[in-house]
Amino acid sequence: MAWNDNHHYKTWYSRHFAEELAGTDLKVFSPLRAGGEEDPVLAYRSRTELWGKERTVVVTHNPKTARKTR
């Protein structure tokens, strides 16, 4: 993790690794792109402790994927 701390590193995780963020109310999310998309991908930016340090986390919600999952 020390290497990651010195670089702009991005990674993706399943919602199962951050269940407290996975339960965030969709009312606080915003569309990723401005426009008239029927089902825009939504995002929520937060900070949480991961790997012993406070880090920025961006949680996304894709309505099409959510429907398929249900």
C-alpha atoms as a PDB file:
ATOM      1  CA  MET A   1       0.000   0.000   0.000  1.00  0.00           C
ATOM      2  CA  ALA A   2       2.966   2.351   0.462  1.00  0.00           C
ATOM      3  CA  TRP A   3       3.479   2.438  -3.323  1.00  0.00           C
ATOM      4  CA  ASN A   4      -0.210   3.247  -3.825  1.00  0.00           C
ATOM      5  CA  ASP A   5      -0.014   6.088  -1.309  1.00  0.00           C
ATOM      6  CA  ASN A   6       2.635   7.807  -3.438  1.00  0.00           C
ATOM      7  CA  HIS A   7       0.773   7.410  -6.746  1.00  0.00           C
ATOM      8  CA  HIS A   8      -2.661   8.283  -8.055  1.00  0.00           C
ATOM      9  CA  TYR A   9      -3.966   4.761  -7.884  1.00  0.00           C
ATOM     10  CA  LYS A  10      -7.552   3.762  -8.595  1.00  0.00           C
ATOM     11  CA  THR A  11      -9.192   0.446  -7.954  1.00  0.00           C
ATOM     12  CA  TRP A  12     -12.665  -1.046  -8.039  1.00  0.00           C
ATOM     13  CA  TYR A  13     -14.286  -3.171  -5.377  1.00  0.00           C
ATOM     14  CA  SER A  14     -17.469  -5.098  -5.008  1.00  0.00           C
ATOM     15  CA  ARG A  15     -20.045  -3.483  -2.730  1.00  0.00           C
ATOM     16  CA  HIS A  16     -19.473  -6.404  -0.370  1.00  0.00           C
ATOM     17  CA  PHE A  17     -16.125  -4.867   0.670  1.00  0.00           C
ATOM     18  CA  ALA A  18     -17.747  -1.609   1.823  1.00  0.00           C
ATOM     19  CA  GLU A  19     -21.257  -2.492   2.909  1.00  0.00           C
ATOM     20  CA  GLU A  20     -21.610   0.738   4.904  1.00  0.00           C
ATOM     21  CA  LEU A  21     -21.198   2.703   1.655  1.00  0.00           C
ATOM     22  CA  ALA A  22     -23.303   0.292  -0.405  1.00  0.00           C
ATOM     23  CA  GLY A  23     -26.321   1.227   1.701  1.00  0.00           C
ATOM     24  CA  THR A  24     -26.034   4.959   0.924  1.00  0.00           C
ATOM     25  CA  ASP A  25     -29.389   6.500  -0.010  1.00  0.00           C
ATOM     26  CA  LEU A  26     -29.576   7.232  -3.752  1.00  0.00           C
ATOM     27  CA  LYS A  27     -30.877  10.735  -2.927  1.00  0.00           C
ATOM     28  CA  VAL A  28     -27.279  11.866  -2.247  1.00  0.00           C
ATOM     29  CA  PHE A  29     -25.977  10.587  -5.601  1.00  0.00           C
ATOM     30  CA  SER A  30     -25.543  12.794  -8.689  1.00  0.00           C
ATOM     31  CA  PRO A  31     -25.440  11.899 -12.404  1.00  0.00           C
ATOM     32  CA  LEU A  32     -21.912  11.369 -13.722  1.00  0.00           C
ATOM     33  CA  ARG A  33     -22.700  13.205 -16.965  1.00  0.00           C
ATOM     34  CA  ALA A  34     -24.997  16.105 -17.625  1.00  0.00           C
ATOM     35  CA  GLY A  35     -27.585  15.247 -20.221  1.00  0.00           C
ATOM     36  CA  GLY A  36     -30.885  13.626 -20.817  1.00  0.00           C
ATOM     37  CA  GLU A  37     -29.936   9.991 -20.393  1.00  0.00           C
ATOM     38  CA  GLU A  38     -32.906   7.866 -19.436  1.00  0.00           C
ATOM     39  CA  ASP A  39     -30.971   5.910 -16.789  1.00  0.00           C
ATOM     40  CA  PRO A  40     -27.807   7.890 -15.963  1.00  0.00           C
ATOM     41  CA  VAL A  41     -25.026   6.288 -13.938  1.00  0.00           C
ATOM     42  CA  LEU A  42     -24.982   7.989 -10.536  1.00  0.00           C
ATOM     43  CA  ALA A  43     -22.022   8.702  -8.252  1.00  0.00           C
ATOM     44  CA  TYR A  44     -21.421   9.667  -4.640  1.00  0.00           C
ATOM     45  CA  ARG A  45     -18.051  10.883  -3.319  1.00  0.00           C
ATOM     46  CA  SER A  46     -17.096  10.243   0.286  1.00  0.00           C
ATOM     47  CA  ARG A  47     -14.101   9.657   2.524  1.00  0.00           C
ATOM     48  CA  THR A  48     -13.564   6.561   4.621  1.00  0.00           C
ATOM     49  CA  GLU A  49     -10.711   4.727   6.305  1.00  0.00           C
ATOM     50  CA  LEU A  50      -9.228   1.978   4.153  1.00  0.00           C
ATOM     51  CA  TRP A  51      -5.899   0.220   4.711  1.00  0.00           C
ATOM     52  CA  GLY A  52      -5.212   2.357   7.784  1.00  0.00           C
ATOM     53  CA  LYS A  53      -5.645   5.784   6.125  1.00  0.00           C
ATOM     54  CA  GLU A  54      -8.522   8.064   5.275  1.00  0.00           C
ATOM     55  CA  ARG A  55      -9.144   7.843   1.520  1.00  0.00           C
ATOM     56  CA  THR A  56     -11.492   9.278  -1.069  1.00  0.00           C
ATOM     57  CA  VAL A  57     -14.092   6.806  -2.266  1.00  0.00           C
ATOM     58  CA  VAL A  58     -16.439   7.213  -5.220  1.00  0.00           C
ATOM     59  CA  VAL A  59     -19.476   4.943  -5.103  1.00  0.00           C
ATOM     60  CA  THR A  60     -21.371   4.467  -8.353  1.00  0.00           C
ATOM     61  CA  HIS A  61     -24.842   3.167  -9.102  1.00  0.00           C
ATOM     62  CA  ASN A  62     -25.759   1.906 -12.546  1.00  0.00           C
ATOM     63  CA  PRO A  63     -29.566   1.521 -12.761  1.00  0.00           C
ATOM     64  CA  LYS A  64     -29.368  -0.947 -15.673  1.00  0.00           C
ATOM     65  CA  THR A  65     -26.963  -3.198 -13.783  1.00  0.00           C
ATOM     66  CA  ALA A  66     -29.062  -2.916 -10.613  1.00  0.00           C
ATOM     67  CA  ARG A  67     -32.166  -4.089 -12.502  1.00  0.00           C
ATOM     68  CA  LYS A  68     -30.286  -7.078 -13.929  1.00  0.00           C
ATOM     69  CA  THR A  69     -28.968  -7.975 -10.475  1.00  0.00           C
ATOM     70  CA  ARG A  70     -32.453  -7.947  -8.961  1.00  0.00           C
END
